[in-house]
Amino acid sequence: MILMAALSVSLALAADKDTPSTIEKGVLDRIVLEVAALPAKAPLIIRRFPAQEASTGTAEKGDNEQRTEAVRMIKNEAPRLLAESIVKNLGTGGFGSVTESQEPPPEGSLVLEGRFTVIDPGSRAKRFWAGFGAGKSGVAVEGTLKDAQGRLMATFSHRRHSGIGLGGGDYVKILSDDTRDVGHDIAVFLNRWSSGGDLTKEAD
């Protein structure tokens, strides 16, 4: 009886502990939650995601001046565009405040940070002539949410792409739109998680 009682207590304690939970192809492509829930009304600090080391897909060879220049411009602008999109689409959500900042996080806050992994302009010619997703562009990121002490709350990765555009689409505009779309989806993820929403459904 004593052994059974001890086992029951052990199982109950284990059930109360946070265990990683993975969500594939939900509101983001991949989410790993390290905790079951976020602290209520915690301030959220957003760091700009660096983009200079991102893979550039069809621009890797440097044989197309328009693609090369578009990627150069977007690598400079993408960190700002992403942060602005997250702030705009997130509002305050279930957080006490939402701020883009590089300053040390205040006690009790959460920190969103990450990096761009892909900035691929695709092929304008293929988008124009082939259609149906051919030559599609793509912007991808990976990131983390941590508390002010560095404790990991979640990791995620996500990609958005465009396969259409008038005349094949302008490289800079399409990559800018892809970046803002990624920011929108991250904001939806944070909003849903902070308010107990469904993370298994795609972003609206």
Protein backbone atom coordinates (compact mmCIF):
# COMPACT_ATOMS: atom_id res chain seq x y z
CA MET A 1 0.00 0.00 0.00
CA ILE A 2 2.80 2.38 0.89
CA LEU A 3 4.52 1.62 -2.42
CA MET A 4 1.31 2.23 -4.38
CA ALA A 5 0.73 5.52 -2.57
CA ALA A 6 4.27 6.67 -3.31
CA LEU A 7 3.86 5.73 -6.97
CA SER A 8 0.59 7.70 -7.21
CA VAL A 9 2.24 10.79 -5.73
CA SER A 10 5.17 10.43 -8.15
CA LEU A 11 2.86 10.21 -11.17
CA ALA A 12 0.84 13.20 -10.02
CA LEU A 13 3.97 15.31 -9.64
CA ALA A 14 5.19 14.25 -13.08
CA ALA A 15 1.87 15.22 -14.66
CA ASP A 16 2.18 18.72 -13.19
CA LYS A 17 5.57 19.31 -14.78
CA ASP A 18 5.87 21.01 -18.15
CA THR A 19 6.81 18.59 -20.91
CA PRO A 20 7.66 19.57 -24.50
CA SER A 21 4.71 19.49 -26.90
CA THR A 22 5.24 19.57 -30.68
CA ILE A 23 2.72 20.99 -33.15
CA GLU A 24 3.34 20.45 -36.88
CA LYS A 25 1.60 22.42 -39.65
CA GLY A 26 -0.64 24.38 -37.33
CA VAL A 27 -0.63 28.13 -36.89
CA LEU A 28 3.10 27.87 -37.76
CA ASP A 29 4.97 25.14 -39.64
CA ARG A 30 6.52 23.77 -36.45
CA ILE A 31 6.15 24.74 -32.80
CA VAL A 32 7.70 23.08 -29.76
CA LEU A 33 6.15 24.29 -26.51
CA GLU A 34 8.41 23.82 -23.52
CA VAL A 35 5.78 25.05 -21.05
CA ALA A 36 2.05 24.44 -20.95
CA ALA A 37 1.02 28.10 -20.62
CA LEU A 38 2.47 31.60 -20.60
CA PRO A 39 2.42 33.82 -17.53
CA ALA A 40 -0.57 36.14 -17.65
CA LYS A 41 -0.01 39.72 -18.80
CA ALA A 42 3.77 39.42 -19.01
CA PRO A 43 5.46 42.20 -21.03
CA LEU A 44 6.72 40.96 -24.41
CA ILE A 45 10.01 42.20 -25.86
CA ILE A 46 10.58 41.64 -29.60
CA ARG A 47 14.12 41.49 -30.95
CA ARG A 48 14.85 42.05 -34.64
CA PHE A 49 15.73 38.80 -36.42
CA PRO A 50 19.08 39.05 -38.28
CA ALA A 51 18.92 38.19 -41.98
CA GLN A 52 22.43 38.44 -43.36
CA GLU A 53 23.16 34.71 -43.06
CA ALA A 54 19.91 33.54 -44.67
CA SER A 55 20.04 31.16 -47.63
CA THR A 56 19.11 33.01 -50.83
CA GLY A 57 17.82 30.20 -53.07
CA THR A 58 17.73 31.24 -56.72
CA ALA A 59 20.00 34.22 -55.97
CA GLU A 60 22.83 32.00 -54.68
CA LYS A 61 24.65 31.87 -58.03
CA GLY A 62 24.59 35.64 -58.49
CA ASP A 63 23.78 35.26 -62.19
CA ASN A 64 20.69 37.48 -62.15
CA GLU A 65 21.26 41.11 -61.17
CA GLN A 66 17.63 41.79 -60.28
CA ARG A 67 17.41 38.82 -57.92
CA THR A 68 20.79 39.61 -56.35
CA GLU A 69 19.88 43.26 -55.73
CA ALA A 70 16.43 42.36 -54.39
CA VAL A 71 17.93 39.93 -51.86
CA ARG A 72 20.54 42.51 -50.80
CA MET A 73 17.80 45.06 -50.15
CA ILE A 74 15.52 42.63 -48.33
CA LYS A 75 18.31 41.34 -46.10
CA ASN A 76 18.71 44.91 -44.89
CA GLU A 77 14.98 45.61 -44.55
CA ALA A 78 13.59 42.25 -43.45
CA PRO A 79 14.47 42.55 -39.73
CA ARG A 80 12.53 45.82 -39.50
CA LEU A 81 9.61 44.62 -41.65
CA LEU A 82 9.19 41.45 -39.59
CA ALA A 83 9.29 43.23 -36.23
CA GLU A 84 6.82 45.89 -37.41
CA SER A 85 4.45 43.23 -38.74
CA ILE A 86 4.53 41.28 -35.46
CA VAL A 87 3.84 44.41 -33.40
CA LYS A 88 1.09 45.61 -35.74
CA ASN A 89 -0.74 42.28 -35.89
CA LEU A 90 -0.24 41.33 -32.26
CA GLY A 91 -1.57 44.42 -30.54
CA THR A 92 -1.19 43.57 -26.87
CA GLY A 93 -2.93 40.19 -27.06
CA GLY A 94 -2.68 38.49 -23.70
CA PHE A 95 0.52 40.38 -22.87
CA GLY A 96 0.91 43.33 -20.52
CA SER A 97 2.72 45.28 -23.25
CA VAL A 98 4.48 44.62 -26.56
CA THR A 99 7.72 46.46 -27.35
CA GLU A 100 10.43 46.15 -29.95
CA SER A 101 13.70 46.68 -28.11
CA GLN A 102 17.34 45.62 -27.95
CA GLU A 103 17.64 46.67 -24.31
CA PRO A 104 18.04 44.10 -21.49
CA PRO A 105 14.61 42.63 -20.70
CA PRO A 106 12.93 43.76 -17.47
CA GLU A 107 12.18 41.18 -14.81
CA GLY A 108 9.03 39.19 -15.52
CA SER A 109 9.09 39.85 -19.27
CA LEU A 110 9.25 37.46 -22.23
CA VAL A 111 11.68 37.80 -25.14
CA LEU A 112 10.98 36.84 -28.77
CA GLU A 113 14.06 36.44 -30.92
CA GLY A 114 15.33 34.40 -33.85
CA ARG A 115 16.84 34.61 -37.31
CA PHE A 116 15.93 34.47 -40.99
CA THR A 117 16.94 31.14 -42.51
CA VAL A 118 15.71 31.64 -46.10
CA ILE A 119 15.18 34.68 -48.33
CA ASP A 120 14.56 33.16 -51.75
CA PRO A 121 13.34 35.42 -54.58
CA GLY A 122 12.31 32.45 -56.72
CA SER A 123 11.98 33.01 -60.45
CA ARG A 124 9.83 35.76 -61.91
CA ALA A 125 9.97 34.16 -65.36
CA LYS A 126 8.70 30.82 -64.05
CA ARG A 127 5.93 32.55 -62.10
CA PHE A 128 4.86 34.39 -65.25
CA TRP A 129 5.08 31.55 -67.78
CA ALA A 130 4.41 28.41 -65.75
CA GLY A 131 2.19 29.56 -62.89
CA PHE A 132 0.65 27.07 -60.44
CA GLY A 133 3.34 27.78 -57.83
CA ALA A 134 6.32 27.47 -60.18
CA GLY A 135 9.20 29.80 -59.34
CA LYS A 136 7.67 30.69 -55.99
CA SER A 137 9.58 32.90 -53.60
CA GLY A 138 10.03 32.12 -49.93
CA VAL A 139 10.93 33.70 -46.61
CA ALA A 140 11.61 31.47 -43.60
CA VAL A 141 12.56 32.08 -39.99
CA GLU A 142 13.26 30.16 -36.83
CA GLY A 143 12.86 31.62 -33.37
CA THR A 144 12.45 31.24 -29.66
CA LEU A 145 10.40 32.67 -26.83
CA LYS A 146 12.25 32.88 -23.50
CA ASP A 147 11.69 34.52 -20.17
CA ALA A 148 13.93 37.33 -18.92
CA GLN A 149 16.25 34.80 -17.23
CA GLY A 150 16.73 32.88 -20.49
CA ARG A 151 14.43 29.96 -19.69
CA LEU A 152 13.13 28.51 -22.96
CA MET A 153 9.36 28.70 -23.37
CA ALA A 154 9.00 27.71 -27.04
CA THR A 155 10.85 27.23 -30.31
CA PHE A 156 9.32 27.60 -33.75
CA SER A 157 10.04 27.65 -37.48
CA HIS A 158 7.88 29.01 -40.27
CA ARG A 159 7.94 29.83 -43.98
CA ARG A 160 5.66 31.82 -46.25
CA HIS A 161 5.92 32.01 -50.03
CA SER A 162 4.36 33.68 -53.05
CA GLY A 163 3.88 31.95 -56.38
CA ILE A 164 1.92 34.59 -58.26
CA GLY A 165 2.26 38.21 -59.25
CA LEU A 166 1.42 40.54 -62.11
CA GLY A 167 4.01 39.95 -64.81
CA GLY A 168 5.70 37.46 -62.50
CA GLY A 169 5.79 39.99 -59.67
CA ASP A 170 8.45 42.37 -58.44
CA TYR A 171 11.13 40.57 -56.39
CA VAL A 172 11.38 43.21 -53.67
CA LYS A 173 7.63 43.56 -53.25
CA ILE A 174 7.02 39.82 -53.13
CA LEU A 175 9.80 39.21 -50.59
CA SER A 176 8.56 42.15 -48.51
CA ASP A 177 5.03 40.71 -48.56
CA ASP A 178 6.34 37.26 -47.61
CA THR A 179 8.21 38.79 -44.67
CA ARG A 180 5.13 40.64 -43.44
CA ASP A 181 3.08 37.45 -43.79
CA VAL A 182 5.57 35.58 -41.59
CA GLY A 183 5.24 38.36 -39.01
CA HIS A 184 1.44 38.13 -39.18
CA ASP A 185 1.51 34.39 -38.53
CA ILE A 186 3.93 34.72 -35.60
CA ALA A 187 1.61 37.33 -34.11
CA VAL A 188 -1.37 34.97 -34.48
CA PHE A 189 0.62 32.22 -32.76
CA LEU A 190 1.49 34.47 -29.82
CA ASN A 191 -2.04 35.81 -29.56
CA ARG A 192 -3.56 32.35 -29.53
CA TRP A 193 -1.07 30.89 -27.08
CA SER A 194 -1.35 33.80 -24.66
CA SER A 195 -5.15 33.53 -24.69
CA GLY A 196 -5.45 29.72 -24.70
CA GLY A 197 -6.42 29.51 -28.39
CA ASP A 198 -6.03 26.64 -30.84
CA LEU A 199 -2.47 26.35 -32.18
CA THR A 200 -3.28 23.44 -34.48
CA LYS A 201 -5.24 25.57 -36.97
CA GLU A 202 -3.57 27.68 -39.65
CA ALA A 203 -3.39 31.44 -39.18
CA ASP A 204 -6.38 33.37 -40.55
